[in-house]
Protein backbone atom coordinates (compact mmCIF):
# COMPACT_ATOMS: atom_id res chain seq x y z
CA MET A 1 13.14 -1.32 -36.08
CA LEU A 2 10.06 -2.92 -34.52
CA SER A 3 6.89 -0.86 -34.14
CA VAL A 4 3.61 -1.36 -32.27
CA ASN A 5 0.52 0.45 -33.54
CA ASN A 6 -2.63 0.91 -31.40
CA VAL A 7 -2.33 -2.54 -29.86
CA THR A 8 -5.00 -3.60 -27.36
CA MET A 9 -5.05 -6.92 -25.49
CA ARG A 10 -8.08 -8.17 -23.59
CA PHE A 11 -8.89 -11.46 -21.91
CA GLY A 12 -12.65 -11.33 -21.49
CA PRO A 13 -13.49 -8.24 -19.44
CA ARG A 14 -9.89 -7.82 -18.28
CA VAL A 15 -7.76 -5.28 -20.18
CA LEU A 16 -3.98 -5.77 -20.04
CA PHE A 17 -3.12 -2.76 -22.19
CA GLU A 18 -5.09 -0.55 -24.54
CA ASN A 19 -4.21 1.44 -27.68
CA VAL A 20 -0.47 1.06 -27.14
CA THR A 21 1.76 2.68 -29.75
CA CYS A 22 5.55 2.61 -29.45
CA THR A 23 8.67 2.03 -31.53
CA PHE A 24 11.73 -0.03 -30.64
CA MET A 25 14.76 1.40 -32.44
CA ALA A 26 17.90 -0.33 -33.69
CA GLY A 27 20.94 0.19 -31.48
CA ARG A 28 18.82 0.43 -28.34
CA ARG A 29 18.32 -2.22 -25.68
CA TYR A 30 14.91 -2.32 -24.03
CA ALA A 31 13.71 -3.94 -20.81
CA ILE A 32 10.03 -4.78 -20.47
CA THR A 33 8.96 -4.35 -16.85
CA GLY A 34 5.77 -4.25 -14.82
CA PRO A 35 4.02 -5.88 -11.86
CA ASN A 36 3.32 -9.61 -11.90
CA GLY A 37 0.28 -10.21 -14.07
CA ALA A 38 0.64 -6.90 -15.93
CA GLY A 39 1.17 -8.74 -19.23
CA LYS A 40 4.93 -8.70 -19.86
CA SER A 41 5.14 -12.18 -21.40
CA THR A 42 1.87 -11.63 -23.25
CA PHE A 43 3.27 -8.45 -24.80
CA MET A 44 6.44 -10.31 -25.76
CA LYS A 45 4.39 -13.02 -27.49
CA ILE A 46 2.52 -10.33 -29.42
CA LEU A 47 5.86 -8.86 -30.53
CA THR A 48 7.15 -12.24 -31.71
CA GLY A 49 3.89 -13.08 -33.51
CA GLU A 50 3.20 -16.08 -31.30
CA LEU A 51 0.02 -14.42 -30.03
CA ASP A 52 -2.45 -12.14 -31.83
CA SER A 53 -3.56 -8.96 -30.10
CA THR A 54 -7.24 -8.09 -29.73
CA SER A 55 -6.70 -5.13 -32.05
CA GLY A 56 -3.85 -3.15 -33.57
CA SER A 57 -0.79 -4.26 -35.51
CA VAL A 58 2.93 -4.96 -35.12
CA THR A 59 5.56 -4.29 -37.80
CA ARG A 60 8.48 -6.68 -37.45
CA PRO A 61 11.87 -6.99 -39.17
CA LYS A 62 12.35 -10.03 -41.37
CA LYS A 63 15.10 -11.55 -39.27
CA MET A 64 14.35 -11.96 -35.56
CA GLY A 65 16.01 -14.02 -32.87
CA VAL A 66 13.48 -15.34 -30.36
CA LEU A 67 14.20 -17.31 -27.19
CA ARG A 68 11.81 -20.23 -27.51
CA GLN A 69 10.24 -21.69 -24.39
CA ASP A 70 9.46 -25.22 -25.64
CA GLN A 71 12.38 -27.35 -24.42
CA PHE A 72 11.17 -30.47 -26.24
CA ALA A 73 10.60 -29.07 -29.73
CA PHE A 74 14.10 -30.03 -30.98
CA ASP A 75 14.72 -33.32 -29.17
CA GLU A 76 15.41 -35.20 -32.43
CA TYR A 77 18.06 -32.75 -33.66
CA ARG A 78 21.74 -32.39 -32.87
CA VAL A 79 22.62 -29.59 -30.49
CA ILE A 80 24.73 -27.82 -33.12
CA ASP A 81 21.91 -28.06 -35.69
CA THR A 82 19.39 -26.69 -33.20
CA VAL A 83 21.50 -23.56 -32.85
CA ILE A 84 21.85 -23.14 -36.62
CA MET A 85 18.06 -23.33 -36.94
CA GLY A 86 18.04 -19.88 -35.38
CA ASN A 87 18.76 -18.63 -38.91
CA ALA A 88 15.67 -19.97 -40.66
CA ALA A 89 16.74 -18.94 -44.18
CA LEU A 90 20.11 -20.66 -43.81
CA TRP A 91 18.66 -23.84 -42.32
CA LYS A 92 16.07 -24.12 -45.10
CA ALA A 93 18.76 -23.69 -47.75
CA LEU A 94 21.03 -26.27 -46.10
CA GLU A 95 18.23 -28.84 -45.91
CA GLU A 96 17.26 -28.37 -49.55
CA ARG A 97 20.89 -28.43 -50.69
CA ASP A 98 21.63 -31.64 -48.77
CA ALA A 99 18.50 -33.28 -50.20
CA LEU A 100 19.62 -32.49 -53.76
CA TYR A 101 23.16 -33.74 -53.11
CA ALA A 102 21.68 -36.96 -51.71
CA LYS A 103 20.05 -37.77 -55.07
CA PRO A 104 21.92 -40.26 -57.31
CA HIS A 105 24.10 -38.34 -59.75
CA GLU A 106 22.30 -39.74 -62.80
CA GLN A 107 18.98 -38.43 -61.48
CA LEU A 108 20.14 -34.83 -61.15
CA THR A 109 18.58 -32.56 -63.76
CA ASP A 110 19.75 -29.28 -65.21
CA ALA A 111 17.13 -27.56 -63.03
CA ASP A 112 18.62 -29.28 -59.99
CA GLY A 113 22.05 -28.00 -60.94
CA MET A 114 20.78 -24.44 -61.28
CA ARG A 115 18.97 -24.68 -58.00
CA LEU A 116 22.11 -25.96 -56.28
CA GLY A 117 23.93 -22.88 -57.53
CA GLU A 118 21.22 -20.65 -56.06
CA LEU A 119 21.31 -22.50 -52.76
CA GLU A 120 25.09 -22.26 -52.49
CA GLY A 121 24.70 -18.50 -52.94
CA ILE A 122 22.20 -18.32 -50.08
CA VAL A 123 24.40 -20.47 -47.87
CA GLY A 124 27.35 -18.19 -48.55
CA GLU A 125 25.40 -14.99 -47.91
CA GLU A 126 24.02 -16.34 -44.62
CA GLY A 127 27.40 -17.46 -43.30
CA GLY A 128 26.67 -21.14 -43.80
CA TYR A 129 30.28 -22.17 -44.42
CA THR A 130 31.25 -21.13 -40.89
CA ALA A 131 27.88 -21.89 -39.29
CA GLU A 132 29.00 -24.80 -37.12
CA ALA A 133 32.05 -22.91 -35.87
CA ASP A 134 29.94 -19.82 -35.10
CA ALA A 135 27.35 -21.93 -33.29
CA ALA A 136 30.09 -23.60 -31.24
CA VAL A 137 31.36 -20.20 -30.09
CA LEU A 138 27.91 -19.30 -28.75
CA LEU A 139 27.50 -22.67 -27.05
CA ASP A 140 30.91 -22.42 -25.41
CA GLY A 141 30.16 -18.92 -24.17
CA LEU A 142 26.92 -20.12 -22.59
CA GLY A 143 28.59 -23.03 -20.85
CA VAL A 144 27.56 -25.91 -23.14
CA GLU A 145 30.61 -28.15 -23.34
CA GLY A 146 32.01 -29.23 -26.69
CA GLU A 147 31.32 -32.91 -26.08
CA LEU A 148 27.58 -32.11 -26.08
CA HIS A 149 27.51 -30.32 -29.42
CA GLU A 150 27.03 -33.49 -31.46
CA ARG A 151 24.46 -35.08 -29.16
CA LYS A 152 20.72 -35.04 -29.67
CA MET A 153 18.79 -32.38 -27.75
CA GLY A 154 16.72 -35.14 -26.15
CA GLU A 155 19.83 -36.34 -24.30
CA LEU A 156 20.36 -33.01 -22.54
CA GLN A 157 18.99 -31.88 -19.19
CA GLY A 158 16.49 -29.04 -18.94
CA GLY A 159 19.01 -26.37 -17.95
CA GLN A 160 21.33 -27.36 -20.80
CA LYS A 161 18.46 -27.20 -23.29
CA VAL A 162 17.65 -23.65 -22.23
CA ARG A 163 21.24 -22.61 -22.95
CA VAL A 164 21.09 -24.18 -26.40
CA LEU A 165 17.82 -22.39 -27.16
CA LEU A 166 19.41 -19.12 -26.06
CA ALA A 167 22.32 -19.75 -28.43
CA GLN A 168 19.74 -20.43 -31.14
CA ALA A 169 18.16 -17.02 -30.56
CA LEU A 170 21.54 -15.28 -30.79
CA PHE A 171 22.70 -17.14 -33.89
CA GLY A 172 22.79 -15.58 -37.35
CA ASN A 173 23.02 -11.86 -36.53
CA PRO A 174 19.27 -11.21 -36.27
CA THR A 175 17.97 -7.66 -36.74
CA ALA A 176 15.96 -7.93 -33.53
CA LEU A 177 16.46 -10.05 -30.40
CA LEU A 178 13.47 -10.88 -28.18
CA LEU A 179 14.47 -12.69 -24.99
CA ASP A 180 12.11 -13.75 -22.20
CA GLU A 181 14.08 -14.57 -19.02
CA PRO A 182 17.41 -15.32 -20.78
CA THR A 183 19.41 -15.67 -17.53
CA ASN A 184 17.39 -18.61 -16.22
CA ASN A 185 19.62 -21.66 -15.63
CA LEU A 186 22.82 -19.69 -16.36
CA ASP A 187 25.77 -19.66 -13.98
CA LEU A 188 27.48 -16.38 -13.14
CA ASP A 189 30.19 -16.76 -15.81
CA SER A 190 27.56 -17.37 -18.50
CA VAL A 191 25.51 -14.39 -17.32
CA HIS A 192 28.56 -12.15 -17.59
CA TRP A 193 29.34 -13.52 -21.06
CA LEU A 194 25.75 -12.83 -22.15
CA GLN A 195 25.90 -9.29 -20.75
CA ARG A 196 29.02 -8.54 -22.77
CA TYR A 197 27.52 -10.08 -25.90
CA LEU A 198 24.29 -8.09 -25.66
CA CYS A 199 26.05 -4.81 -24.90
CA GLU A 200 27.91 -5.20 -28.21
CA TYR A 201 24.75 -6.17 -30.12
CA GLU A 202 23.77 -3.50 -32.68
CA GLY A 203 20.17 -4.48 -33.43
CA VAL A 204 16.95 -4.07 -31.43
CA LEU A 205 17.08 -5.91 -28.10
CA ILE A 206 13.90 -6.47 -26.08
CA VAL A 207 14.27 -8.47 -22.88
CA ILE A 208 12.23 -9.56 -19.87
CA SER A 209 14.11 -10.53 -16.73
CA HIS A 210 13.60 -10.66 -12.96
CA ASP A 211 17.35 -10.04 -12.59
CA ARG A 212 17.46 -6.31 -11.81
CA HIS A 213 21.28 -6.18 -11.99
CA PHE A 214 21.21 -7.77 -15.44
CA LEU A 215 18.69 -5.19 -16.71
CA ASN A 216 20.71 -2.32 -15.26
CA SER A 217 23.92 -3.55 -16.91
CA VAL A 218 22.41 -4.26 -20.35
CA CYS A 219 19.37 -2.08 -21.04
CA THR A 220 19.40 1.54 -22.21
CA TYR A 221 15.59 1.98 -22.20
CA THR A 222 12.75 0.54 -20.14
CA ALA A 223 9.19 -0.06 -21.38
CA ASP A 224 7.05 -0.28 -18.24
CA ILE A 225 3.59 -1.87 -18.40
CA ASP A 226 1.27 -0.31 -15.84
CA TYR A 227 -2.24 1.15 -15.67
CA GLU A 228 -3.19 -0.57 -18.97
CA THR A 229 -0.54 1.25 -20.99
CA ILE A 230 3.20 1.19 -21.71
CA ILE A 231 5.43 4.11 -20.72
CA MET A 232 8.96 4.40 -22.08
CA TYR A 233 11.77 5.51 -19.76
CA VAL A 234 15.42 6.24 -20.54
CA GLY A 235 17.88 3.98 -18.73
CA GLY A 236 17.83 0.64 -16.96
CA TYR A 237 15.53 -0.73 -14.28
CA ASP A 238 16.71 1.49 -11.42
CA ASP A 239 16.51 4.59 -13.62
CA MET A 240 12.91 3.69 -14.44
CA VAL A 241 12.00 3.27 -10.77
CA VAL A 242 13.43 6.70 -9.89
CA ALA A 243 11.69 8.43 -12.81
CA LYS A 244 8.41 6.66 -12.11
CA THR A 245 8.52 7.62 -8.43
CA LYS A 246 9.18 11.27 -9.27
CA SER A 247 6.34 11.27 -11.80
CA HIS A 248 3.96 9.72 -9.26
CA ASN A 249 4.91 12.28 -6.61
CA CYS A 250 4.37 15.15 -9.03
CA ARG A 251 0.91 13.87 -9.95
CA SER A 252 0.00 13.47 -6.27
CA LEU A 253 1.03 17.05 -5.47
CA SER A 254 -0.76 18.48 -8.49
CA HIS A 255 -4.01 16.76 -7.45
CA GLY A 256 -3.74 17.91 -3.82
CA SER A 257 -2.34 15.05 -1.80
CA PRO A 258 -3.08 14.67 1.94
CA ARG A 259 0.44 15.88 2.63
CA ALA A 260 -0.23 19.06 0.62
CA ARG A 261 -3.40 19.76 2.64
CA VAL A 262 -1.78 19.49 6.08
CA PRO A 263 -0.82 23.20 6.30
CA ARG A 264 -4.43 24.22 5.58
CA ARG A 265 -5.74 22.02 8.36
CA ARG A 266 -3.18 23.48 10.72
CA LEU A 267 -4.21 27.01 9.77
CA ARG A 268 -7.88 26.20 10.38
CA ALA A 269 -7.00 24.64 13.77
CA ARG A 270 -4.96 27.68 14.75
CA LYS A 271 -7.78 30.03 13.71
CA LYS A 272 -10.30 28.01 15.73
CA SER A 273 -8.01 28.02 18.77
CA SER A 274 -7.51 31.78 18.48
CA ASP A 275 -11.26 32.37 18.23
CA CYS A 276 -11.84 30.30 21.36
CA ARG A 277 -9.22 32.25 23.29
CA ARG A 278 -10.77 35.59 22.29
CA ARG A 279 -14.24 34.39 23.23
CA SER A 280 -13.01 33.20 26.63
CA TRP A 281 -11.24 36.51 27.23
CA ARG A 282 -14.40 38.48 26.43
CA GLU A 283 -16.47 36.34 28.78
CA ALA A 284 -13.91 36.68 31.56
CA THR A 285 -13.75 40.45 31.13
CA SER A 286 -17.49 40.79 31.14
CA SER A 287 -17.71 38.66 34.29
CA GLY A 288 -15.08 40.78 35.97
CA ARG A 289 -16.95 44.01 35.30
CA THR A 290 -20.16 42.54 36.70
CA SER A 291 -18.49 41.49 39.96
CA SER A 292 -16.93 44.93 40.52
CA SER A 293 -20.25 46.70 40.06
CA ILE A 294 -21.91 44.54 42.72
């Protein structure tokens, strides 16, 4: 579960959203929508902890998968290692374990031996013994060919890097997945693979995408940012649009829209026309009586 408590975000005098409180539940897949400039990516950065809100707080699970946007942050690492870094606890344990094993045998202490035992336990619990195979499955599904898995990230093109970073976010069974534009640079086969993967995901999914069909196929709830707040709707993007339109129409009618006032104007026009006709008839009658008397 990921919860937002009274979060407000301002940039100078401009308010993006104010006193927002909502909860993202496990087993549900949420789309974040809103007009351009409404603050979708800003809200996502607040959820990930990359950006602090003006006020309020966010309660996050310990294990989150986040689609990182910096394509150059991992240029010195192998592709396969970059994916495994998506599980921070596992990667830290692997690095420390390898550093201890690299020490000359005669320099290892009893404390080192005990620590190695602890680290092997962490590696086992986090799926470290199958980590490279699991990472390869994700890379293959996202269209990163096997011959690239051992290369450095710096050797890859921009679109390939994005796919690796997406695999990194998915790796390690995170409790929550936060993905900003995950379908960018994916071909149709990779998009379909990602859709199937996310529909089987059991944690909290929060995604931003301009691909309406992707949101409709994956998301079960929509958090729409508009009018400086966030409103939660059940269903995908199209369901949100329908519900939002109905809600807007109901508010317009309840406040007396121009369309609702048309019948009253017509009634007033008819009454005025009727009054004119009666007045003309009286004048004509009076004139007729005068002529006959002369």
